[in-house]
Amino acid sequence: MPKVSIIIPVCGQADMTKKCLETLYKFTPKDLIEIIVINNNSPDNTLEMLKAFPDVKVITNEMNKSFSVSINQGVNESTGEFVLPLNNDTYFFQNWLEEMLETFTDKKVAVVGAKLLFPDGKIQHAGLACYKNKQPFHVFWGEMPSEKNNIQVEYPAVTFACALIRRKVFEELQGLSLEYPDGNYEDVDFCLRAREKGYKIVYNPKVVLYHLEAGTKKLDLTRAQDTIRKNLKIYKDKWEKRSESLFAVDQRIFPKILVGCPTYYKYEYCLEKYAKIVKNLMYPNYDILLIDNSPDEEYMEKIQDVGLKVEQTPYRKKARDRIVESRNLLKKRTLKGNYDYMFSLEQDVIPEPDILKKLLSHDKKIISGFYFSPQKLMNGDVAIKPIIFKFHKKEGKWGTCRMLTKDETWSDELMNIAYCGVGCLLVHKDVLEKVTFRYKDDKDATDDKYFCYDARKADFEIWADASVKCKHLLEEKFDWDELRDKGEY
């Protein structure tokens, strides 16, 4: 098997480095590796401790150099066909390197990352993905290992706390970028540059070790946080306008979602708020599409000006006509575009950025978040209530419905419901293949109720997550009773 050059930058934390080296030797065939420690002016007994490891090559710097400089320096002094940056706050408990090397049977693989665990067994690293704004994040961070994070997949990037890199690719890309002082984002930058060249970045879940995460940076936490902020700006200035294809993720891990809603010119008051939130949802695999039904193209152009994709349909006088037509066009785009879900998010409903992650976590075909609207009570009063209704009495699929109680409204419960508004509704493609948005002229009911009715008739359960609460911008919402009186509803 080919030789691997393992590069370990250190600055103090001698005990941590000692444990890393001891476990590395215990679980790694010695004939496969050379180990190079970059000693960055350690203020403790690191140099004395390293004498216990005579096979380790030590390069000593008179000042604490950055991660990028240290790794590049180590690679220049190495001989392996593969190079492996390794943090000294990692340690091993099982064989790992042979499995990592086998991933390179595919000649297009440039980098292989490992599954890194916190000492309590939760995940620290299982691949790096990027949000729509291109900011990277650790997938499954803080979760327990599961079937979903045990799949070998490609990612935009992996952490270089432990990553195996094909040397010829490292040299082709001229090593780690020196744009990022003190570490952070140089690993993502390298992986994206490799992807630009057509190489693959692979996460191999069978390669497992422990990582304390930023163990060495606890020496100066304030400085570390300041560095992260500065380096994030450098990274985003460089990458946030690059091709979306560089940031593609596997649909088995992140289902593809179409986010959108019907709209027309009277929603202009909330367009900027809506655009800001939907462009910054904390989820990597979604597209946005608004369906405009304004009388002319002026509002469509304003939607495009805030960076949202929009299609225009012929103007319909009646609100229910335009809403149903627009929702069915979104449904069509979802099914034809290889999306797993449609997320119906009305333009005046403003969720928290992590809403898609929360709703997806329940693995339901139809699930709603909470948003609030005026509701008429039995006594004729009007109260602000969530557009969520439970069964009061139920026989089979059907029954009489009721509003939620105060305790239910302010719980964090996942609840099976009778029906809901579709203003904040995640719907799986399996539902859309069987259910169409509709209404009836002779019934004073919205398409929301018909959709839920038809979904139940097709044997789909409807759920709501009470922990997902959204702001509903009611203060400028037009008057539905007035629209009815005008014959426009």
Protein backbone atom coordinates (compact mmCIF):
# COMPACT_ATOMS: atom_id res chain seq x y z
CA MET A 1 0.00 0.00 0.00
CA PRO A 2 1.16 3.61 -0.62
CA LYS A 3 2.84 5.65 2.10
CA VAL A 4 0.96 8.37 3.94
CA SER A 5 2.68 11.46 5.35
CA ILE A 6 0.86 12.61 8.50
CA ILE A 7 1.41 16.29 9.34
CA ILE A 8 0.56 17.43 12.90
CA PRO A 9 0.93 21.15 13.74
CA VAL A 10 1.28 21.81 17.49
CA CYS A 11 1.67 24.80 19.81
CA GLY A 12 1.74 23.63 23.40
CA GLN A 13 -0.75 21.07 24.78
CA ALA A 14 1.97 18.44 25.12
CA ASP A 15 -0.30 15.94 26.89
CA MET A 16 -2.81 16.18 24.07
CA THR A 17 -0.14 15.62 21.41
CA LYS A 18 1.23 12.66 23.39
CA LYS A 19 -2.17 10.94 23.47
CA CYS A 20 -2.65 11.63 19.75
CA LEU A 21 0.70 10.04 18.87
CA GLU A 22 0.29 7.07 21.22
CA THR A 23 -3.10 6.11 19.83
CA LEU A 24 -2.00 6.86 16.27
CA TYR A 25 0.85 4.34 16.55
CA LYS A 26 -1.38 1.81 18.31
CA PHE A 27 -3.99 1.69 15.56
CA THR A 28 -1.91 2.43 12.43
CA PRO A 29 0.55 0.13 10.59
CA LYS A 30 3.97 1.76 10.99
CA ASP A 31 5.10 0.73 7.52
CA LEU A 32 2.30 2.84 5.97
CA ILE A 33 3.18 6.16 7.55
CA GLU A 34 5.69 8.85 8.25
CA ILE A 35 4.81 11.39 10.93
CA ILE A 36 5.95 15.01 10.84
CA VAL A 37 5.21 17.29 13.79
CA ILE A 38 5.40 21.03 13.17
CA ASN A 39 6.33 22.49 16.56
CA ASN A 40 5.19 26.11 16.48
CA ASN A 41 7.18 27.61 19.36
CA SER A 42 5.43 25.50 22.02
CA PRO A 43 5.68 27.20 25.42
CA ASP A 44 5.61 23.90 27.37
CA ASN A 45 7.58 20.61 27.36
CA THR A 46 6.40 19.54 23.91
CA LEU A 47 9.95 19.15 22.53
CA GLU A 48 11.01 17.02 25.52
CA MET A 49 7.88 14.88 25.19
CA LEU A 50 8.52 14.27 21.48
CA LYS A 51 11.82 12.58 22.32
CA ALA A 52 9.77 9.56 23.38
CA PHE A 53 8.77 9.15 19.70
CA PRO A 54 12.09 8.74 17.84
CA ASP A 55 10.37 7.90 14.52
CA VAL A 56 8.63 11.28 14.45
CA LYS A 57 10.28 13.97 12.38
CA VAL A 58 10.08 17.32 14.22
CA ILE A 59 10.26 20.70 12.48
CA THR A 60 10.55 23.59 14.94
CA ASN A 61 9.48 27.12 14.12
CA GLU A 62 10.55 30.10 16.19
CA MET A 63 7.03 31.55 16.03
CA ASN A 64 3.50 30.13 15.96
CA LYS A 65 2.68 29.81 12.28
CA SER A 66 -0.82 29.35 10.84
CA PHE A 67 -2.38 25.98 10.08
CA SER A 68 -1.97 26.51 6.33
CA VAL A 69 1.70 27.46 6.61
CA SER A 70 2.38 24.52 8.94
CA ILE A 71 0.70 21.95 6.71
CA ASN A 72 2.36 23.27 3.57
CA GLN A 73 5.71 23.23 5.37
CA GLY A 74 5.20 19.65 6.49
CA VAL A 75 4.15 18.46 3.04
CA ASN A 76 7.28 20.03 1.52
CA GLU A 77 9.39 17.89 3.88
CA SER A 78 7.36 14.71 3.31
CA THR A 79 7.69 11.77 0.91
CA GLY A 80 4.27 10.08 0.92
CA GLU A 81 1.99 9.54 -2.06
CA PHE A 82 -0.78 10.81 0.22
CA VAL A 83 -0.68 13.55 2.86
CA LEU A 84 -2.85 13.75 5.94
CA PRO A 85 -3.28 16.92 8.02
CA LEU A 86 -4.10 15.87 11.59
CA ASN A 87 -5.06 17.97 14.61
CA ASN A 88 -3.26 17.11 17.82
CA ASP A 89 -6.60 17.17 19.70
CA THR A 90 -7.62 13.93 17.97
CA TYR A 91 -7.07 10.39 19.19
CA PHE A 92 -7.74 6.92 17.82
CA PHE A 93 -9.48 3.81 19.14
CA GLN A 94 -9.65 1.50 16.11
CA ASN A 95 -7.93 0.78 12.78
CA TRP A 96 -8.67 3.51 10.26
CA LEU A 97 -6.04 4.25 7.62
CA GLU A 98 -6.50 1.19 5.40
CA GLU A 99 -10.20 1.98 5.02
CA MET A 100 -9.38 5.57 4.17
CA LEU A 101 -6.90 4.55 1.49
CA GLU A 102 -9.38 2.19 -0.15
CA THR A 103 -11.67 5.13 -0.88
CA PHE A 104 -9.11 6.31 -3.45
CA THR A 105 -9.79 3.43 -5.85
CA ASP A 106 -11.84 6.07 -7.66
CA LYS A 107 -9.16 8.16 -9.39
CA LYS A 108 -11.35 11.29 -9.18
CA VAL A 109 -11.29 11.28 -5.38
CA ALA A 110 -9.01 14.05 -4.11
CA VAL A 111 -9.82 14.19 -0.40
CA VAL A 112 -11.34 11.73 2.07
CA GLY A 113 -12.71 12.87 5.42
CA ALA A 114 -13.46 10.87 8.56
CA LYS A 115 -16.29 10.62 11.05
CA LEU A 116 -15.07 12.52 14.10
CA LEU A 117 -16.76 12.01 17.47
CA PHE A 118 -16.79 13.99 20.67
CA PRO A 119 -15.66 11.91 23.68
CA ASP A 120 -19.36 11.43 24.62
CA GLY A 121 -19.98 9.68 21.29
CA LYS A 122 -21.87 12.50 19.57
CA ILE A 123 -20.80 13.66 16.12
CA GLN A 124 -18.34 16.51 15.72
CA HIS A 125 -17.79 16.00 11.99
CA ALA A 126 -19.58 13.94 9.35
CA GLY A 127 -18.99 16.15 6.34
CA LEU A 128 -19.25 19.87 5.61
CA ALA A 129 -22.10 21.35 3.60
CA CYS A 130 -22.90 25.00 2.83
CA TYR A 131 -26.06 27.05 3.18
CA LYS A 132 -27.45 29.08 0.29
CA ASN A 133 -25.28 32.00 1.41
CA LYS A 134 -22.29 29.64 1.04
CA GLN A 135 -21.47 29.58 4.75
CA PRO A 136 -20.17 26.10 5.66
CA PHE A 137 -21.51 24.06 8.56
CA HIS A 138 -20.86 20.68 10.15
CA VAL A 139 -23.52 18.20 9.06
CA PHE A 140 -25.07 16.22 11.97
CA TRP A 141 -23.01 18.19 14.52
CA GLY A 142 -24.00 17.19 18.07
CA GLU A 143 -26.20 14.29 16.93
CA MET A 144 -25.69 10.62 17.78
CA PRO A 145 -24.40 8.34 15.00
CA SER A 146 -27.29 6.97 12.95
CA GLU A 147 -28.10 5.26 9.68
CA LYS A 148 -28.36 8.61 7.90
CA ASN A 149 -24.84 9.76 8.82
CA ASN A 150 -23.38 6.34 8.12
CA ILE A 151 -23.50 6.69 4.32
CA GLN A 152 -20.38 7.28 2.24
CA VAL A 153 -21.17 10.39 0.18
CA GLU A 154 -19.60 13.34 -1.55
CA TYR A 155 -19.70 16.71 0.19
CA PRO A 156 -18.55 20.21 -0.77
CA ALA A 157 -15.85 19.86 1.90
CA VAL A 158 -14.52 17.90 4.87
CA THR A 159 -12.57 19.12 7.87
CA PHE A 160 -8.78 18.89 7.77
CA ALA A 161 -8.70 17.93 11.45
CA CYS A 162 -8.22 14.51 9.82
CA ALA A 163 -8.32 14.30 6.03
CA LEU A 164 -6.41 12.18 3.54
CA ILE A 165 -5.35 14.07 0.41
CA ARG A 166 -3.93 12.79 -2.84
CA ARG A 167 -0.48 14.41 -3.04
CA LYS A 168 -0.63 15.20 -6.73
CA VAL A 169 -3.84 17.18 -6.14
CA PHE A 170 -2.27 18.98 -3.18
CA GLU A 171 0.63 20.01 -5.42
CA GLU A 172 -1.66 20.86 -8.35
CA LEU A 173 -3.56 23.29 -6.11
CA GLN A 174 -0.30 24.62 -4.63
CA GLY A 175 -1.26 23.54 -1.13
CA LEU A 176 -3.47 25.26 1.39
CA SER A 177 -4.30 28.89 0.76
CA LEU A 178 -2.41 31.43 2.87
CA GLU A 179 -5.32 33.89 2.73
CA TYR A 180 -6.73 32.68 6.06
CA PRO A 181 -4.69 33.73 9.13
CA ASP A 182 -4.51 31.39 12.14
CA GLY A 183 -6.67 28.66 10.59
CA ASN A 184 -10.41 28.19 9.80
CA TYR A 185 -11.87 27.92 6.28
CA GLU A 186 -8.64 26.94 4.54
CA ASP A 187 -9.88 23.33 4.43
CA VAL A 188 -13.21 24.32 2.85
CA ASP A 189 -11.35 26.58 0.42
CA PHE A 190 -9.03 23.72 -0.62
CA CYS A 191 -11.92 21.30 -1.14
CA LEU A 192 -13.88 23.79 -3.25
CA ARG A 193 -10.82 24.48 -5.38
CA ALA A 194 -10.47 20.73 -5.90
CA ARG A 195 -14.14 20.48 -6.87
CA GLU A 196 -13.63 23.27 -9.40
CA LYS A 197 -11.02 21.02 -11.03
CA GLY A 198 -13.51 18.13 -11.23
CA TYR A 199 -12.26 16.17 -8.21
CA LYS A 200 -14.44 14.51 -5.56
CA ILE A 201 -14.50 15.18 -1.83
CA VAL A 202 -15.70 12.08 0.02
CA TYR A 203 -16.84 11.46 3.59
CA ASN A 204 -16.13 7.87 4.69
CA PRO A 205 -18.14 7.00 7.84
CA LYS A 206 -16.14 3.82 8.47
CA VAL A 207 -13.13 5.93 9.42
CA VAL A 208 -13.88 6.92 13.01
CA LEU A 209 -11.82 8.72 15.65
CA TYR A 210 -12.29 11.20 18.49
CA HIS A 211 -11.85 14.96 18.19
CA LEU A 212 -12.01 17.45 21.05
CA GLU A 213 -12.77 20.27 18.55
CA ALA A 214 -10.57 23.35 18.80
CA GLY A 215 -8.76 21.90 21.79
CA THR A 216 -5.63 23.89 20.99
CA LYS A 217 -7.57 27.15 20.57
CA LYS A 218 -8.82 27.12 24.14
CA LEU A 219 -5.51 28.77 24.96
CA ASP A 220 -6.97 32.03 23.63
CA LEU A 221 -10.71 31.74 22.94
CA THR A 222 -11.24 35.45 22.26
CA ARG A 223 -8.54 35.48 19.60
CA ALA A 224 -9.95 32.29 18.04
CA GLN A 225 -13.45 33.78 17.75
CA ASP A 226 -12.09 36.98 16.21
CA THR A 227 -10.10 34.91 13.71
CA ILE A 228 -13.20 32.93 12.71
CA ARG A 229 -15.12 36.14 11.99
CA LYS A 230 -12.31 37.61 9.89
CA ASN A 231 -11.71 34.40 7.98
CA LEU A 232 -15.41 33.90 7.29
CA LYS A 233 -15.48 37.29 5.57
CA ILE A 234 -12.41 36.37 3.49
CA TYR A 235 -14.03 33.05 2.57
CA LYS A 236 -17.44 34.53 1.66
CA ASP A 237 -15.94 37.36 -0.41
CA LYS A 238 -14.14 34.69 -2.41
CA TRP A 239 -16.81 32.00 -2.75
CA GLU A 240 -20.37 33.25 -2.28
CA LYS A 241 -20.86 34.16 -5.95
CA ARG A 242 -19.33 30.98 -7.35
CA SER A 243 -21.30 28.31 -9.22
CA GLU A 244 -24.05 26.54 -7.24
CA SER A 245 -22.76 23.21 -8.55
CA LEU A 246 -19.67 23.47 -6.32
CA PHE A 247 -21.92 23.32 -3.26
CA ALA A 248 -24.15 20.44 -4.38
CA VAL A 249 -25.05 17.83 -1.76
CA ASP A 250 -26.42 14.29 -1.86
CA GLN A 251 -30.24 14.13 -1.89
CA ARG A 252 -30.16 11.08 0.37
CA ILE A 253 -28.81 13.31 3.10
CA PHE A 254 -30.52 16.57 2.14
CA PRO A 255 -33.81 16.12 0.26
CA LYS A 256 -34.28 18.70 -2.48
CA ILE A 257 -36.97 21.29 -1.70
CA LEU A 258 -38.82 23.88 -3.78
CA VAL A 259 -39.74 26.89 -1.60
CA GLY A 260 -42.36 29.25 -2.92
CA CYS A 261 -45.84 30.74 -2.95
CA PRO A 262 -48.43 32.56 -5.03
CA THR A 263 -48.03 36.34 -4.94
CA TYR A 264 -49.18 39.59 -6.51
CA TYR A 265 -48.46 43.28 -6.21
CA LYS A 266 -50.30 43.86 -2.90
CA TYR A 267 -47.59 41.80 -1.18
CA GLU A 268 -44.89 44.32 -2.06
CA TYR A 269 -44.88 45.61 1.55
CA CYS A 270 -43.26 42.40 2.79
CA LEU A 271 -41.15 41.46 -0.23
CA GLU A 272 -37.77 42.50 1.22
CA LYS A 273 -38.40 40.71 4.52
CA TYR A 274 -39.47 37.57 2.71
CA ALA A 275 -36.52 37.66 0.31
CA LYS A 276 -34.06 38.07 3.17
CA ILE A 277 -35.38 35.07 5.10
CA VAL A 278 -35.84 32.65 2.18
CA LYS A 279 -32.36 33.38 0.83
CA ASN A 280 -30.85 32.63 4.23
CA LEU A 281 -32.64 29.47 5.33
CA MET A 282 -30.25 27.17 7.19
CA TYR A 283 -30.51 24.35 4.66
CA PRO A 284 -28.26 23.57 1.69
CA ASN A 285 -30.54 22.00 -0.93
CA TYR A 286 -33.46 24.19 -1.93
CA ASP A 287 -34.59 26.52 -4.68
CA ILE A 288 -37.00 29.44 -4.50
CA LEU A 289 -39.86 30.19 -6.91
CA LEU A 290 -42.61 32.77 -6.63
CA ILE A 291 -45.65 32.68 -8.92
CA ASP A 292 -46.82 36.23 -9.68
CA ASN A 293 -50.38 37.00 -10.72
CA SER A 294 -50.21 40.80 -10.89
CA PRO A 295 -52.00 42.70 -13.66
CA ASP A 296 -48.68 43.81 -15.21
CA GLU A 297 -44.96 42.99 -15.03
CA GLU A 298 -43.95 45.73 -12.58
CA TYR A 299 -44.12 43.58 -9.44
CA MET A 300 -42.46 40.62 -11.15
CA GLU A 301 -39.49 42.89 -11.93
CA LYS A 302 -39.31 43.96 -8.28
CA ILE A 303 -39.20 40.31 -7.23
CA GLN A 304 -36.33 39.73 -9.62
CA ASP A 305 -34.55 42.83 -8.28
CA VAL A 306 -34.40 41.29 -4.76
CA GLY A 307 -32.80 38.15 -6.21
CA LEU A 308 -35.76 35.74 -6.28
CA LYS A 309 -36.84 33.58 -9.20
CA VAL A 310 -40.37 34.28 -10.39
CA GLU A 311 -42.82 33.07 -13.03
CA GLN A 312 -45.88 35.03 -14.08
CA THR A 313 -49.31 33.60 -14.81
CA PRO A 314 -52.19 35.41 -16.55
CA TYR A 315 -53.92 37.81 -14.15
CA ARG A 316 -56.99 36.42 -12.43
CA LYS A 317 -59.50 38.77 -10.79
CA LYS A 318 -60.59 36.30 -8.12
CA ALA A 319 -58.09 35.60 -5.35
CA ARG A 320 -59.02 31.93 -5.12
CA ASP A 321 -58.51 31.48 -8.87
CA ARG A 322 -55.03 32.94 -8.84
CA ILE A 323 -54.02 31.15 -5.64
CA VAL A 324 -55.13 27.72 -6.85
CA GLU A 325 -53.60 28.21 -10.29
CA SER A 326 -50.31 29.37 -8.76
CA ARG A 327 -50.12 26.55 -6.21
CA ASN A 328 -50.75 23.97 -8.92
CA LEU A 329 -47.96 25.50 -10.99
CA LEU A 330 -45.64 25.16 -7.96
CA LYS A 331 -46.79 21.57 -7.62
CA LYS A 332 -45.98 20.97 -11.31
CA ARG A 333 -42.51 22.51 -10.93
CA THR A 334 -41.88 20.35 -7.87
CA LEU A 335 -42.76 17.11 -9.62
CA LYS A 336 -41.01 17.96 -12.89
CA GLY A 337 -37.89 19.34 -11.19
CA ASN A 338 -36.90 16.22 -9.25
CA TYR A 339 -37.74 17.84 -5.91
CA ASP A 340 -38.55 15.69 -2.90
CA TYR A 341 -40.72 18.33 -1.23
CA MET A 342 -42.58 21.54 -1.88
CA PHE A 343 -42.44 24.04 0.98
CA SER A 344 -45.42 26.35 0.69
CA LEU A 345 -44.36 29.52 2.51
CA GLU A 346 -46.67 32.50 2.06
CA GLN A 347 -44.97 35.79 1.41
CA ASP A 348 -46.24 37.30 4.67
CA VAL A 349 -45.16 34.33 6.83
CA ILE A 350 -41.68 34.81 8.27
CA PRO A 351 -40.12 31.69 9.88
CA GLU A 352 -36.94 31.09 11.82
CA PRO A 353 -33.95 30.22 9.56
CA ASP A 354 -33.78 26.58 10.74
CA ILE A 355 -37.40 25.76 9.86
CA LEU A 356 -36.65 23.25 7.09
CA LYS A 357 -34.29 21.25 9.29
CA LYS A 358 -36.90 21.12 12.05
CA LEU A 359 -39.79 20.07 9.81
CA LEU A 360 -37.71 17.49 7.93
CA SER A 361 -36.52 15.91 11.19
CA HIS A 362 -39.98 14.41 11.74
CA ASP A 363 -39.96 12.50 8.42
CA LYS A 364 -43.64 13.24 7.66
CA LYS A 365 -45.32 13.54 4.27
CA ILE A 366 -47.31 16.64 5.31
CA ILE A 367 -46.21 18.84 8.19
CA SER A 368 -46.98 22.44 9.12
CA GLY A 369 -45.37 25.05 11.26
CA PHE A 370 -47.45 27.50 13.30
CA TYR A 371 -48.50 30.93 12.06
CA PHE A 372 -51.35 32.99 13.44
CA SER A 373 -54.40 34.72 11.97
CA PRO A 374 -57.66 36.22 13.23
CA GLN A 375 -60.20 33.43 13.80
CA LYS A 376 -63.91 33.86 14.49
CA LEU A 377 -65.00 32.18 17.72
CA MET A 378 -68.39 30.53 18.35
CA ASN A 379 -69.65 33.65 20.15
CA GLY A 380 -68.71 35.89 17.24
CA ASP A 381 -65.56 37.33 18.80
CA VAL A 382 -62.29 37.35 16.91
CA ALA A 383 -59.10 35.93 18.42
CA ILE A 384 -55.58 35.52 17.08
CA LYS A 385 -55.08 31.76 16.78
CA PRO A 386 -52.80 29.40 14.85
CA ILE A 387 -54.31 28.12 11.62
CA ILE A 388 -54.18 24.60 13.01
CA PHE A 389 -57.25 22.49 13.81
CA LYS A 390 -57.52 19.20 15.66
CA PHE A 391 -60.35 16.70 15.62
CA HIS A 392 -62.84 17.15 18.43
CA LYS A 393 -64.62 13.89 17.74
CA LYS A 394 -63.27 11.51 15.14
CA GLU A 395 -64.58 8.42 13.41
CA GLY A 396 -62.10 6.84 10.99
CA LYS A 397 -60.55 9.59 8.87
CA TRP A 398 -63.15 12.22 9.66
CA GLY A 399 -64.74 14.10 12.49
CA THR A 400 -65.65 17.52 13.87
CA CYS A 401 -62.78 19.99 14.27
CA ARG A 402 -61.75 22.44 16.94
CA MET A 403 -59.17 25.18 17.45
CA LEU A 404 -56.17 24.49 19.63
CA THR A 405 -56.22 25.16 23.34
CA LYS A 406 -53.82 27.68 24.84
CA ASP A 407 -51.66 24.89 26.28
CA GLU A 408 -51.50 23.11 22.90
CA THR A 409 -50.65 26.35 21.11
CA TRP A 410 -47.69 27.12 23.34
CA SER A 411 -46.36 23.59 23.65
CA ASP A 412 -43.48 22.09 21.67
CA GLU A 413 -45.64 19.14 20.70
CA LEU A 414 -45.63 17.25 17.40
CA MET A 415 -49.36 16.80 16.83
CA ASN A 416 -51.56 14.91 14.44
CA ILE A 417 -54.11 17.42 13.14
CA ALA A 418 -57.29 17.58 11.09
CA TYR A 419 -56.29 20.43 8.80
CA CYS A 420 -54.21 23.60 8.61
CA GLY A 421 -53.42 26.55 6.43
CA VAL A 422 -50.88 25.97 3.69
CA GLY A 423 -48.97 29.15 4.48
CA CYS A 424 -46.16 27.21 6.15
CA LEU A 425 -46.52 23.65 4.92
CA LEU A 426 -43.93 21.06 3.87
CA VAL A 427 -45.44 18.55 1.43
CA HIS A 428 -43.75 15.43 0.05
CA LYS A 429 -43.88 14.69 -3.67
CA ASP A 430 -45.87 11.50 -2.97
CA VAL A 431 -48.75 13.70 -1.79
CA LEU A 432 -48.50 16.08 -4.74
CA GLU A 433 -48.74 13.16 -7.16
CA LYS A 434 -52.21 12.38 -5.79
CA VAL A 435 -53.63 15.69 -4.53
CA THR A 436 -54.42 18.85 -6.51
CA PHE A 437 -55.17 22.30 -5.14
CA ARG A 438 -58.80 23.28 -5.73
CA TYR A 439 -61.86 25.08 -4.40
CA LYS A 440 -65.60 25.18 -5.12
CA ASP A 441 -67.54 28.31 -6.07
CA ASP A 442 -70.56 27.25 -4.04
CA LYS A 443 -68.53 26.68 -0.85
CA ASP A 444 -66.98 29.44 1.26
CA ALA A 445 -63.87 27.36 1.88
CA THR A 446 -60.29 27.96 0.89
CA ASP A 447 -58.01 25.65 -1.07
CA ASP A 448 -56.24 24.93 2.26
CA LYS A 449 -59.25 23.01 3.58
CA TYR A 450 -59.79 21.15 0.32
CA PHE A 451 -56.12 20.19 0.16
CA CYS A 452 -56.18 18.74 3.66
CA TYR A 453 -59.50 16.99 2.98
CA ASP A 454 -58.19 15.44 -0.25
CA ALA A 455 -54.92 14.42 1.42
CA ARG A 456 -56.78 12.61 4.21
CA LYS A 457 -59.02 10.98 1.62
CA ALA A 458 -55.82 9.68 -0.05
CA ASP A 459 -54.70 8.22 3.31
CA PHE A 460 -52.09 10.84 4.20
CA GLU A 461 -51.82 11.99 7.81
CA ILE A 462 -51.35 15.70 8.54
CA TRP A 463 -48.98 16.88 11.24
CA ALA A 464 -47.92 20.13 12.89
CA ASP A 465 -44.85 20.99 14.93
CA ALA A 466 -45.82 23.41 17.69
CA SER A 467 -42.18 24.31 18.31
CA VAL A 468 -42.03 25.95 14.86
CA LYS A 469 -43.67 29.34 15.25
CA CYS A 470 -43.56 31.97 12.52
CA LYS A 471 -44.36 35.66 12.37
CA HIS A 472 -47.43 36.43 10.26
CA LEU A 473 -47.30 39.97 8.89
CA LEU A 474 -50.96 40.77 9.47
CA GLU A 475 -50.61 44.49 10.01
CA GLU A 476 -50.97 45.29 6.32
CA LYS A 477 -52.84 42.23 5.11
CA PHE A 478 -55.76 43.08 2.87
CA ASP A 479 -59.32 42.47 4.10
CA TRP A 480 -60.74 39.15 2.90
CA ASP A 481 -64.33 40.16 3.79
CA GLU A 482 -63.93 43.20 1.56
CA LEU A 483 -62.72 40.98 -1.28
CA ARG A 484 -65.79 38.73 -0.83
CA ASP A 485 -68.11 41.76 -1.02
CA LYS A 486 -66.43 42.82 -4.26
CA GLY A 487 -66.79 39.32 -5.71
CA GLU A 488 -63.00 38.95 -5.81
CA TYR A 489 -62.78 35.97 -3.45
